[in-house]
Amino acid sequence: DGLSLIQTLRAQGLQTPVLILSALGDVDH
């Protein structure tokens, strides 16, 4: 999933900006 992908990138030091697209639009999401 997208969040796991982003977390892995950040854990490996990649700081490329990420725009997340999602149908889940609640504040918590």
mmCIF file of all heavy atoms, coordinates in Angstrom:
data_MODEL
# 
_entry.id   MODEL 
# 
loop_
_atom_site.group_PDB 
_atom_site.id 
_atom_site.type_symbol 
_atom_site.label_atom_id 
_atom_site.label_alt_id 
_atom_site.label_comp_id 
_atom_site.label_asym_id 
_atom_site.label_entity_id 
_atom_site.label_seq_id 
_atom_site.pdbx_PDB_ins_code 
_atom_site.Cartn_x 
_atom_site.Cartn_y 
_atom_site.Cartn_z 
_atom_site.occupancy 
_atom_site.B_iso_or_equiv 
_atom_site.pdbx_formal_charge 
_atom_site.auth_seq_id 
_atom_site.auth_comp_id 
_atom_site.auth_asym_id 
_atom_site.auth_atom_id 
_atom_site.pdbx_PDB_model_num 
ATOM 1   N N   . ASP A 1 1  ? 0.838   -1.206 0.000  1.00 0.00 ? 1  ASP A N   1 
ATOM 2   C CA  . ASP A 1 1  ? 0.000   0.000  0.000  1.00 0.00 ? 1  ASP A CA  1 
ATOM 3   C C   . ASP A 1 1  ? 0.871   1.253  0.000  1.00 0.00 ? 1  ASP A C   1 
ATOM 4   O O   . ASP A 1 1  ? 2.063   1.219  0.318  1.00 0.00 ? 1  ASP A O   1 
ATOM 5   C CB  . ASP A 1 1  ? -0.948  -0.002 1.203  1.00 0.00 ? 1  ASP A CB  1 
ATOM 6   C CG  . ASP A 1 1  ? -0.226  0.207  2.518  1.00 0.00 ? 1  ASP A CG  1 
ATOM 7   O OD1 . ASP A 1 1  ? 0.012   1.370  2.877  1.00 0.00 ? 1  ASP A OD1 1 
ATOM 8   O OD2 . ASP A 1 1  ? 0.109   -0.808 3.172  1.00 0.00 ? 1  ASP A OD2 1 
ATOM 9   N N   . GLY A 1 2  ? 0.219   2.357  -0.362 1.00 0.00 ? 2  GLY A N   1 
ATOM 10  C CA  . GLY A 1 2  ? 0.947   3.603  -0.542 1.00 0.00 ? 2  GLY A CA  1 
ATOM 11  C C   . GLY A 1 2  ? 1.657   4.103  0.700  1.00 0.00 ? 2  GLY A C   1 
ATOM 12  O O   . GLY A 1 2  ? 2.789   4.590  0.625  1.00 0.00 ? 2  GLY A O   1 
ATOM 13  N N   . LEU A 1 3  ? 1.013   3.986  1.863  1.00 0.00 ? 3  LEU A N   1 
ATOM 14  C CA  . LEU A 1 3  ? 1.642   4.483  3.084  1.00 0.00 ? 3  LEU A CA  1 
ATOM 15  C C   . LEU A 1 3  ? 2.866   3.657  3.445  1.00 0.00 ? 3  LEU A C   1 
ATOM 16  O O   . LEU A 1 3  ? 3.881   4.198  3.892  1.00 0.00 ? 3  LEU A O   1 
ATOM 17  C CB  . LEU A 1 3  ? 0.641   4.480  4.235  1.00 0.00 ? 3  LEU A CB  1 
ATOM 18  C CG  . LEU A 1 3  ? -0.595  5.372  4.069  1.00 0.00 ? 3  LEU A CG  1 
ATOM 19  C CD1 . LEU A 1 3  ? -1.319  5.537  5.402  1.00 0.00 ? 3  LEU A CD1 1 
ATOM 20  C CD2 . LEU A 1 3  ? -0.228  6.738  3.496  1.00 0.00 ? 3  LEU A CD2 1 
ATOM 21  N N   . SER A 1 4  ? 2.781   2.342  3.253  1.00 0.00 ? 4  SER A N   1 
ATOM 22  C CA  . SER A 1 4  ? 3.936   1.486  3.507  1.00 0.00 ? 4  SER A CA  1 
ATOM 23  C C   . SER A 1 4  ? 5.078   1.840  2.559  1.00 0.00 ? 4  SER A C   1 
ATOM 24  O O   . SER A 1 4  ? 6.256   1.863  2.955  1.00 0.00 ? 4  SER A O   1 
ATOM 25  C CB  . SER A 1 4  ? 3.553   0.010  3.338  1.00 0.00 ? 4  SER A CB  1 
ATOM 26  O OG  . SER A 1 4  ? 4.694   -0.820 3.401  1.00 0.00 ? 4  SER A OG  1 
ATOM 27  N N   . LEU A 1 5  ? 4.743   2.106  1.313  1.00 0.00 ? 5  LEU A N   1 
ATOM 28  C CA  . LEU A 1 5  ? 5.752   2.500  0.326  1.00 0.00 ? 5  LEU A CA  1 
ATOM 29  C C   . LEU A 1 5  ? 6.477   3.767  0.786  1.00 0.00 ? 5  LEU A C   1 
ATOM 30  O O   . LEU A 1 5  ? 7.710   3.836  0.779  1.00 0.00 ? 5  LEU A O   1 
ATOM 31  C CB  . LEU A 1 5  ? 5.067   2.728  -1.020 1.00 0.00 ? 5  LEU A CB  1 
ATOM 32  C CG  . LEU A 1 5  ? 5.917   3.064  -2.253 1.00 0.00 ? 5  LEU A CG  1 
ATOM 33  C CD1 . LEU A 1 5  ? 5.146   2.740  -3.521 1.00 0.00 ? 5  LEU A CD1 1 
ATOM 34  C CD2 . LEU A 1 5  ? 6.317   4.537  -2.288 1.00 0.00 ? 5  LEU A CD2 1 
ATOM 35  N N   . ILE A 1 6  ? 5.703   4.762  1.207  1.00 0.00 ? 6  ILE A N   1 
ATOM 36  C CA  . ILE A 1 6  ? 6.289   6.047  1.625  1.00 0.00 ? 6  ILE A CA  1 
ATOM 37  C C   . ILE A 1 6  ? 7.149   5.867  2.874  1.00 0.00 ? 6  ILE A C   1 
ATOM 38  O O   . ILE A 1 6  ? 8.266   6.404  2.964  1.00 0.00 ? 6  ILE A O   1 
ATOM 39  C CB  . ILE A 1 6  ? 5.180   7.085  1.884  1.00 0.00 ? 6  ILE A CB  1 
ATOM 40  C CG1 . ILE A 1 6  ? 4.422   7.379  0.591  1.00 0.00 ? 6  ILE A CG1 1 
ATOM 41  C CG2 . ILE A 1 6  ? 5.767   8.375  2.452  1.00 0.00 ? 6  ILE A CG2 1 
ATOM 42  C CD1 . ILE A 1 6  ? 3.124   8.140  0.794  1.00 0.00 ? 6  ILE A CD1 1 
ATOM 43  N N   . GLN A 1 7  ? 6.662   5.093  3.839  1.00 0.00 ? 7  GLN A N   1 
ATOM 44  C CA  . GLN A 1 7  ? 7.422   4.871  5.062  1.00 0.00 ? 7  GLN A CA  1 
ATOM 45  C C   . GLN A 1 7  ? 8.753   4.186  4.773  1.00 0.00 ? 7  GLN A C   1 
ATOM 46  O O   . GLN A 1 7  ? 9.779   4.516  5.368  1.00 0.00 ? 7  GLN A O   1 
ATOM 47  C CB  . GLN A 1 7  ? 6.591   4.029  6.037  1.00 0.00 ? 7  GLN A CB  1 
ATOM 48  C CG  . GLN A 1 7  ? 5.424   4.793  6.640  1.00 0.00 ? 7  GLN A CG  1 
ATOM 49  C CD  . GLN A 1 7  ? 4.462   3.886  7.395  1.00 0.00 ? 7  GLN A CD  1 
ATOM 50  O OE1 . GLN A 1 7  ? 4.321   2.708  7.078  1.00 0.00 ? 7  GLN A OE1 1 
ATOM 51  N NE2 . GLN A 1 7  ? 3.786   4.439  8.390  1.00 0.00 ? 7  GLN A NE2 1 
ATOM 52  N N   . THR A 1 8  ? 8.738   3.252  3.821  1.00 0.00 ? 8  THR A N   1 
ATOM 53  C CA  . THR A 1 8  ? 9.976   2.566  3.448  1.00 0.00 ? 8  THR A CA  1 
ATOM 54  C C   . THR A 1 8  ? 10.957  3.524  2.787  1.00 0.00 ? 8  THR A C   1 
ATOM 55  O O   . THR A 1 8  ? 12.169  3.495  3.074  1.00 0.00 ? 8  THR A O   1 
ATOM 56  C CB  . THR A 1 8  ? 9.676   1.393  2.487  1.00 0.00 ? 8  THR A CB  1 
ATOM 57  O OG1 . THR A 1 8  ? 8.764   0.486  3.119  1.00 0.00 ? 8  THR A OG1 1 
ATOM 58  C CG2 . THR A 1 8  ? 10.950  0.647  2.121  1.00 0.00 ? 8  THR A CG2 1 
ATOM 59  N N   . LEU A 1 9  ? 10.452  4.390  1.929  1.00 0.00 ? 9  LEU A N   1 
ATOM 60  C CA  . LEU A 1 9  ? 11.315  5.382  1.286  1.00 0.00 ? 9  LEU A CA  1 
ATOM 61  C C   . LEU A 1 9  ? 11.953  6.305  2.319  1.00 0.00 ? 9  LEU A C   1 
ATOM 62  O O   . LEU A 1 9  ? 13.160  6.580  2.266  1.00 0.00 ? 9  LEU A O   1 
ATOM 63  C CB  . LEU A 1 9  ? 10.510  6.211  0.282  1.00 0.00 ? 9  LEU A CB  1 
ATOM 64  C CG  . LEU A 1 9  ? 9.975   5.491  -0.954 1.00 0.00 ? 9  LEU A CG  1 
ATOM 65  C CD1 . LEU A 1 9  ? 9.127   6.440  -1.787 1.00 0.00 ? 9  LEU A CD1 1 
ATOM 66  C CD2 . LEU A 1 9  ? 11.116  4.924  -1.794 1.00 0.00 ? 9  LEU A CD2 1 
ATOM 67  N N   . ARG A 1 10 ? 11.150  6.754  3.264  1.00 0.00 ? 10 ARG A N   1 
ATOM 68  C CA  . ARG A 1 10 ? 11.672  7.665  4.284  1.00 0.00 ? 10 ARG A CA  1 
ATOM 69  C C   . ARG A 1 10 ? 12.681  6.948  5.183  1.00 0.00 ? 10 ARG A C   1 
ATOM 70  O O   . ARG A 1 10 ? 13.699  7.533  5.579  1.00 0.00 ? 10 ARG A O   1 
ATOM 71  C CB  . ARG A 1 10 ? 10.527  8.241  5.124  1.00 0.00 ? 10 ARG A CB  1 
ATOM 72  C CG  . ARG A 1 10 ? 9.516   9.093  4.340  1.00 0.00 ? 10 ARG A CG  1 
ATOM 73  C CD  . ARG A 1 10 ? 10.161  10.237 3.621  1.00 0.00 ? 10 ARG A CD  1 
ATOM 74  N NE  . ARG A 1 10 ? 9.188   11.136 3.004  1.00 0.00 ? 10 ARG A NE  1 
ATOM 75  C CZ  . ARG A 1 10 ? 9.230   11.546 1.753  1.00 0.00 ? 10 ARG A CZ  1 
ATOM 76  N NH1 . ARG A 1 10 ? 10.202  11.132 0.960  1.00 0.00 ? 10 ARG A NH1 1 
ATOM 77  N NH2 . ARG A 1 10 ? 8.329   12.369 1.270  1.00 0.00 ? 10 ARG A NH2 1 
ATOM 78  N N   . ALA A 1 11 ? 12.424  5.700  5.496  1.00 0.00 ? 11 ALA A N   1 
ATOM 79  C CA  . ALA A 1 11 ? 13.335  4.933  6.344  1.00 0.00 ? 11 ALA A CA  1 
ATOM 80  C C   . ALA A 1 11 ? 14.690  4.753  5.670  1.00 0.00 ? 11 ALA A C   1 
ATOM 81  O O   . ALA A 1 11 ? 15.720  4.616  6.345  1.00 0.00 ? 11 ALA A O   1 
ATOM 82  C CB  . ALA A 1 11 ? 12.732  3.577  6.684  1.00 0.00 ? 11 ALA A CB  1 
ATOM 83  N N   . GLN A 1 12 ? 14.686  4.741  4.340  1.00 0.00 ? 12 GLN A N   1 
ATOM 84  C CA  . GLN A 1 12 ? 15.928  4.581  3.596  1.00 0.00 ? 12 GLN A CA  1 
ATOM 85  C C   . GLN A 1 12 ? 16.561  5.919  3.214  1.00 0.00 ? 12 GLN A C   1 
ATOM 86  O O   . GLN A 1 12 ? 17.522  5.977  2.449  1.00 0.00 ? 12 GLN A O   1 
ATOM 87  C CB  . GLN A 1 12 ? 15.691  3.720  2.351  1.00 0.00 ? 12 GLN A CB  1 
ATOM 88  C CG  . GLN A 1 12 ? 15.268  2.297  2.687  1.00 0.00 ? 12 GLN A CG  1 
ATOM 89  C CD  . GLN A 1 12 ? 15.380  1.349  1.512  1.00 0.00 ? 12 GLN A CD  1 
ATOM 90  O OE1 . GLN A 1 12 ? 16.244  1.497  0.656  1.00 0.00 ? 12 GLN A OE1 1 
ATOM 91  N NE2 . GLN A 1 12 ? 14.504  0.355  1.474  1.00 0.00 ? 12 GLN A NE2 1 
ATOM 92  N N   . GLY A 1 13 ? 15.995  7.003  3.756  1.00 0.00 ? 13 GLY A N   1 
ATOM 93  C CA  . GLY A 1 13 ? 16.604  8.317  3.583  1.00 0.00 ? 13 GLY A CA  1 
ATOM 94  C C   . GLY A 1 13 ? 16.206  9.075  2.347  1.00 0.00 ? 13 GLY A C   1 
ATOM 95  O O   . GLY A 1 13 ? 16.771  10.138 2.060  1.00 0.00 ? 13 GLY A O   1 
ATOM 96  N N   . LEU A 1 14 ? 15.240  8.564  1.588  1.00 0.00 ? 14 LEU A N   1 
ATOM 97  C CA  . LEU A 1 14 ? 14.801  9.266  0.382  1.00 0.00 ? 14 LEU A CA  1 
ATOM 98  C C   . LEU A 1 14 ? 13.802  10.360 0.768  1.00 0.00 ? 14 LEU A C   1 
ATOM 99  O O   . LEU A 1 14 ? 12.746  10.072 1.320  1.00 0.00 ? 14 LEU A O   1 
ATOM 100 C CB  . LEU A 1 14 ? 14.151  8.293  -0.606 1.00 0.00 ? 14 LEU A CB  1 
ATOM 101 C CG  . LEU A 1 14 ? 13.893  8.868  -2.006 1.00 0.00 ? 14 LEU A CG  1 
ATOM 102 C CD1 . LEU A 1 14 ? 15.200  9.016  -2.771 1.00 0.00 ? 14 LEU A CD1 1 
ATOM 103 C CD2 . LEU A 1 14 ? 12.946  7.968  -2.788 1.00 0.00 ? 14 LEU A CD2 1 
ATOM 104 N N   . GLN A 1 15 ? 14.140  11.594 0.466  1.00 0.00 ? 15 GLN A N   1 
ATOM 105 C CA  . GLN A 1 15 ? 13.308  12.727 0.874  1.00 0.00 ? 15 GLN A CA  1 
ATOM 106 C C   . GLN A 1 15 ? 12.535  13.356 -0.285 1.00 0.00 ? 15 GLN A C   1 
ATOM 107 O O   . GLN A 1 15 ? 12.032  14.469 -0.163 1.00 0.00 ? 15 GLN A O   1 
ATOM 108 C CB  . GLN A 1 15 ? 14.195  13.789 1.540  1.00 0.00 ? 15 GLN A CB  1 
ATOM 109 C CG  . GLN A 1 15 ? 14.873  13.320 2.813  1.00 0.00 ? 15 GLN A CG  1 
ATOM 110 C CD  . GLN A 1 15 ? 13.883  12.819 3.843  1.00 0.00 ? 15 GLN A CD  1 
ATOM 111 O OE1 . GLN A 1 15 ? 12.869  13.461 4.109  1.00 0.00 ? 15 GLN A OE1 1 
ATOM 112 N NE2 . GLN A 1 15 ? 14.172  11.663 4.439  1.00 0.00 ? 15 GLN A NE2 1 
ATOM 113 N N   . THR A 1 16 ? 12.414  12.646 -1.397 1.00 0.00 ? 16 THR A N   1 
ATOM 114 C CA  . THR A 1 16 ? 11.651  13.156 -2.532 1.00 0.00 ? 16 THR A CA  1 
ATOM 115 C C   . THR A 1 16 ? 10.222  13.496 -2.103 1.00 0.00 ? 16 THR A C   1 
ATOM 116 O O   . THR A 1 16 ? 9.574   12.688 -1.433 1.00 0.00 ? 16 THR A O   1 
ATOM 117 C CB  . THR A 1 16 ? 11.595  12.105 -3.660 1.00 0.00 ? 16 THR A CB  1 
ATOM 118 O OG1 . THR A 1 16 ? 12.926  11.716 -4.005 1.00 0.00 ? 16 THR A OG1 1 
ATOM 119 C CG2 . THR A 1 16 ? 10.901  12.669 -4.891 1.00 0.00 ? 16 THR A CG2 1 
ATOM 120 N N   . PRO A 1 17 ? 9.704   14.683 -2.442 1.00 0.00 ? 17 PRO A N   1 
ATOM 121 C CA  . PRO A 1 17 ? 8.342   15.055 -2.062 1.00 0.00 ? 17 PRO A CA  1 
ATOM 122 C C   . PRO A 1 17 ? 7.315   14.059 -2.594 1.00 0.00 ? 17 PRO A C   1 
ATOM 123 O O   . PRO A 1 17 ? 7.446   13.577 -3.725 1.00 0.00 ? 17 PRO A O   1 
ATOM 124 C CB  . PRO A 1 17 ? 8.141   16.431 -2.687 1.00 0.00 ? 17 PRO A CB  1 
ATOM 125 C CG  . PRO A 1 17 ? 9.511   16.955 -2.906 1.00 0.00 ? 17 PRO A CG  1 
ATOM 126 C CD  . PRO A 1 17 ? 10.374  15.776 -3.179 1.00 0.00 ? 17 PRO A CD  1 
ATOM 127 N N   . VAL A 1 18 ? 6.290   13.776 -1.784 1.00 0.00 ? 18 VAL A N   1 
ATOM 128 C CA  . VAL A 1 18 ? 5.254   12.819 -2.161 1.00 0.00 ? 18 VAL A CA  1 
ATOM 129 C C   . VAL A 1 18 ? 3.877   13.458 -2.035 1.00 0.00 ? 18 VAL A C   1 
ATOM 130 O O   . VAL A 1 18 ? 3.533   14.010 -0.987 1.00 0.00 ? 18 VAL A O   1 
ATOM 131 C CB  . VAL A 1 18 ? 5.303   11.554 -1.277 1.00 0.00 ? 18 VAL A CB  1 
ATOM 132 C CG1 . VAL A 1 18 ? 4.165   10.605 -1.651 1.00 0.00 ? 18 VAL A CG1 1 
ATOM 133 C CG2 . VAL A 1 18 ? 6.642   10.853 -1.410 1.00 0.00 ? 18 VAL A CG2 1 
ATOM 134 N N   . LEU A 1 19 ? 3.111   13.380 -3.112 1.00 0.00 ? 19 LEU A N   1 
ATOM 135 C CA  . LEU A 1 19 ? 1.704   13.775 -3.105 1.00 0.00 ? 19 LEU A CA  1 
ATOM 136 C C   . LEU A 1 19 ? 0.873   12.507 -3.050 1.00 0.00 ? 19 LEU A C   1 
ATOM 137 O O   . LEU A 1 19 ? 0.951   11.664 -3.945 1.00 0.00 ? 19 LEU A O   1 
ATOM 138 C CB  . LEU A 1 19 ? 1.357   14.585 -4.360 1.00 0.00 ? 19 LEU A CB  1 
ATOM 139 C CG  . LEU A 1 19 ? -0.127  14.892 -4.589 1.00 0.00 ? 19 LEU A CG  1 
ATOM 140 C CD1 . LEU A 1 19 ? -0.692  15.728 -3.447 1.00 0.00 ? 19 LEU A CD1 1 
ATOM 141 C CD2 . LEU A 1 19 ? -0.328  15.598 -5.929 1.00 0.00 ? 19 LEU A CD2 1 
ATOM 142 N N   . ILE A 1 20 ? 0.088   12.341 -1.984 1.00 0.00 ? 20 ILE A N   1 
ATOM 143 C CA  . ILE A 1 20 ? -0.743  11.157 -1.817 1.00 0.00 ? 20 ILE A CA  1 
ATOM 144 C C   . ILE A 1 20 ? -2.106  11.397 -2.444 1.00 0.00 ? 20 ILE A C   1 
ATOM 145 O O   . ILE A 1 20 ? -2.726  12.440 -2.224 1.00 0.00 ? 20 ILE A O   1 
ATOM 146 C CB  . ILE A 1 20 ? -0.922  10.815 -0.319 1.00 0.00 ? 20 ILE A CB  1 
ATOM 147 C CG1 . ILE A 1 20 ? 0.442   10.526 0.326  1.00 0.00 ? 20 ILE A CG1 1 
ATOM 148 C CG2 . ILE A 1 20 ? -1.860  9.622  -0.134 1.00 0.00 ? 20 ILE A CG2 1 
ATOM 149 C CD1 . ILE A 1 20 ? 0.366   10.356 1.836  1.00 0.00 ? 20 ILE A CD1 1 
ATOM 150 N N   . LEU A 1 21 ? -2.582  10.439 -3.233 1.00 0.00 ? 21 LEU A N   1 
ATOM 151 C CA  . LEU A 1 21 ? -3.932  10.467 -3.782 1.00 0.00 ? 21 LEU A CA  1 
ATOM 152 C C   . LEU A 1 21 ? -4.760  9.413  -3.069 1.00 0.00 ? 21 LEU A C   1 
ATOM 153 O O   . LEU A 1 21 ? -4.313  8.286  -2.878 1.00 0.00 ? 21 LEU A O   1 
ATOM 154 C CB  . LEU A 1 21 ? -3.910  10.160 -5.283 1.00 0.00 ? 21 LEU A CB  1 
ATOM 155 C CG  . LEU A 1 21 ? -3.052  11.062 -6.177 1.00 0.00 ? 21 LEU A CG  1 
ATOM 156 C CD1 . LEU A 1 21 ? -3.172  10.599 -7.624 1.00 0.00 ? 21 LEU A CD1 1 
ATOM 157 C CD2 . LEU A 1 21 ? -3.460  12.512 -6.042 1.00 0.00 ? 21 LEU A CD2 1 
ATOM 158 N N   . SER A 1 22 ? -5.980  9.755  -2.664 1.00 0.00 ? 22 SER A N   1 
ATOM 159 C CA  . SER A 1 22 ? -6.801  8.773  -1.947 1.00 0.00 ? 22 SER A CA  1 
ATOM 160 C C   . SER A 1 22 ? -8.269  9.165  -1.970 1.00 0.00 ? 22 SER A C   1 
ATOM 161 O O   . SER A 1 22 ? -8.625  10.343 -1.979 1.00 0.00 ? 22 SER A O   1 
ATOM 162 C CB  . SER A 1 22 ? -6.336  8.654  -0.490 1.00 0.00 ? 22 SER A CB  1 
ATOM 163 O OG  . SER A 1 22 ? -7.141  7.731  0.215  1.00 0.00 ? 22 SER A OG  1 
ATOM 164 N N   . ALA A 1 23 ? -9.114  8.124  -1.963 1.00 0.00 ? 23 ALA A N   1 
ATOM 165 C CA  . ALA A 1 23 ? -10.551 8.344  -1.818 1.00 0.00 ? 23 ALA A CA  1 
ATOM 166 C C   . ALA A 1 23 ? -10.918 8.501  -0.343 1.00 0.00 ? 23 ALA A C   1 
ATOM 167 O O   . ALA A 1 23 ? -12.043 8.866  -0.020 1.00 0.00 ? 23 ALA A O   1 
ATOM 168 C CB  . ALA A 1 23 ? -11.318 7.163  -2.423 1.00 0.00 ? 23 ALA A CB  1 
ATOM 169 N N   . LEU A 1 24 ? -9.962  8.206  0.543  1.00 0.00 ? 24 LEU A N   1 
ATOM 170 C CA  . LEU A 1 24 ? -10.181 8.339  1.981  1.00 0.00 ? 24 LEU A CA  1 
ATOM 171 C C   . LEU A 1 24 ? -9.857  9.768  2.392  1.00 0.00 ? 24 LEU A C   1 
ATOM 172 O O   . LEU A 1 24 ? -8.690  10.156 2.434  1.00 0.00 ? 24 LEU A O   1 
ATOM 173 C CB  . LEU A 1 24 ? -9.295  7.347  2.743  1.00 0.00 ? 24 LEU A CB  1 
ATOM 174 C CG  . LEU A 1 24 ? -9.462  5.871  2.359  1.00 0.00 ? 24 LEU A CG  1 
ATOM 175 C CD1 . LEU A 1 24 ? -8.457  5.011  3.099  1.00 0.00 ? 24 LEU A CD1 1 
ATOM 176 C CD2 . LEU A 1 24 ? -10.889 5.420  2.646  1.00 0.00 ? 24 LEU A CD2 1 
ATOM 177 N N   . GLY A 1 25 ? -10.918 10.535 2.669  1.00 0.00 ? 25 GLY A N   1 
ATOM 178 C CA  . GLY A 1 25 ? -10.698 11.961 2.869  1.00 0.00 ? 25 GLY A CA  1 
ATOM 179 C C   . GLY A 1 25 ? -10.981 12.494 4.245  1.00 0.00 ? 25 GLY A C   1 
ATOM 180 O O   . GLY A 1 25 ? -10.930 13.705 4.459  1.00 0.00 ? 25 GLY A O   1 
ATOM 181 N N   . ASP A 1 26 ? -11.241 11.615 5.220  1.00 0.00 ? 26 ASP A N   1 
ATOM 182 C CA  . ASP A 1 26 ? -11.469 12.099 6.579  1.00 0.00 ? 26 ASP A CA  1 
ATOM 183 C C   . ASP A 1 26 ? -10.195 12.725 7.145  1.00 0.00 ? 26 ASP A C   1 
ATOM 184 O O   . ASP A 1 26 ? -9.081  12.410 6.706  1.00 0.00 ? 26 ASP A O   1 
ATOM 185 C CB  . ASP A 1 26 ? -11.913 10.954 7.494  1.00 0.00 ? 26 ASP A CB  1 
ATOM 186 C CG  . ASP A 1 26 ? -13.300 10.430 7.133  1.00 0.00 ? 26 ASP A CG  1 
ATOM 187 O OD1 . ASP A 1 26 ? -14.020 11.153 6.400  1.00 0.00 ? 26 ASP A OD1 1 
ATOM 188 O OD2 . ASP A 1 26 ? -13.648 9.320  7.571  1.00 0.00 ? 26 ASP A OD2 1 
ATOM 189 N N   . VAL A 1 27 ? -10.369 13.559 8.143  1.00 0.00 ? 27 VAL A N   1 
ATOM 190 C CA  . VAL A 1 27 ? -9.212  14.218 8.756  1.00 0.00 ? 27 VAL A CA  1 
ATOM 191 C C   . VAL A 1 27 ? -8.208  13.191 9.260  1.00 0.00 ? 27 VAL A C   1 
ATOM 192 O O   . VAL A 1 27 ? -6.994  13.327 9.050  1.00 0.00 ? 27 VAL A O   1 
ATOM 193 C CB  . VAL A 1 27 ? -9.666  15.134 9.916  1.00 0.00 ? 27 VAL A CB  1 
ATOM 194 C CG1 . VAL A 1 27 ? -8.455  15.658 10.679 1.00 0.00 ? 27 VAL A CG1 1 
ATOM 195 C CG2 . VAL A 1 27 ? -10.491 16.294 9.386  1.00 0.00 ? 27 VAL A CG2 1 
ATOM 196 N N   . ASP A 1 28 ? -8.699  12.134 9.905  1.00 0.00 ? 28 ASP A N   1 
ATOM 197 C CA  . ASP A 1 28 ? -7.794  11.112 10.440 1.00 0.00 ? 28 ASP A CA  1 
ATOM 198 C C   . ASP A 1 28 ? -6.984  10.452 9.336  1.00 0.00 ? 28 ASP A C   1 
ATOM 199 O O   . ASP A 1 28 ? -5.801  10.155 9.511  1.00 0.00 ? 28 ASP A O   1 
ATOM 200 C CB  . ASP A 1 28 ? -8.576  10.049 11.214 1.00 0.00 ? 28 ASP A CB  1 
ATOM 201 C CG  . ASP A 1 28 ? -9.136  10.578 12.523 1.00 0.00 ? 28 ASP A CG  1 
ATOM 202 O OD1 . ASP A 1 28 ? -8.663  11.643 12.972 1.00 0.00 ? 28 ASP A OD1 1 
ATOM 203 O OD2 . ASP A 1 28 ? -10.037 9.930  13.084 1.00 0.00 ? 28 ASP A OD2 1 
ATOM 204 N N   . HIS A 1 29 ? -7.625  10.222 8.188  1.00 0.00 ? 29 HIS A N   1 
ATOM 205 C CA  . HIS A 1 29 ? -6.920  9.604  7.069  1.00 0.00 ? 29 HIS A CA  1 
ATOM 206 C C   . HIS A 1 29 ? -5.836  10.543 6.519  1.00 0.00 ? 29 HIS A C   1 
ATOM 207 O O   . HIS A 1 29 ? -4.722  10.100 6.199  1.00 0.00 ? 29 HIS A O   1 
ATOM 208 C CB  . HIS A 1 29 ? -7.895  9.249  5.949  1.00 0.00 ? 29 HIS A CB  1 
ATOM 209 C CG  . HIS A 1 29 ? -8.838  8.149  6.308  1.00 0.00 ? 29 HIS A CG  1 
ATOM 210 N ND1 . HIS A 1 29 ? -10.206 8.226  6.083  1.00 0.00 ? 29 HIS A ND1 1 
ATOM 211 C CD2 . HIS A 1 29 ? -8.625  6.940  6.899  1.00 0.00 ? 29 HIS A CD2 1 
ATOM 212 C CE1 . HIS A 1 29 ? -10.771 7.113  6.498  1.00 0.00 ? 29 HIS A CE1 1 
ATOM 213 N NE2 . HIS A 1 29 ? -9.840  6.319  7.000  1.00 0.00 ? 29 HIS A NE2 1 
# 
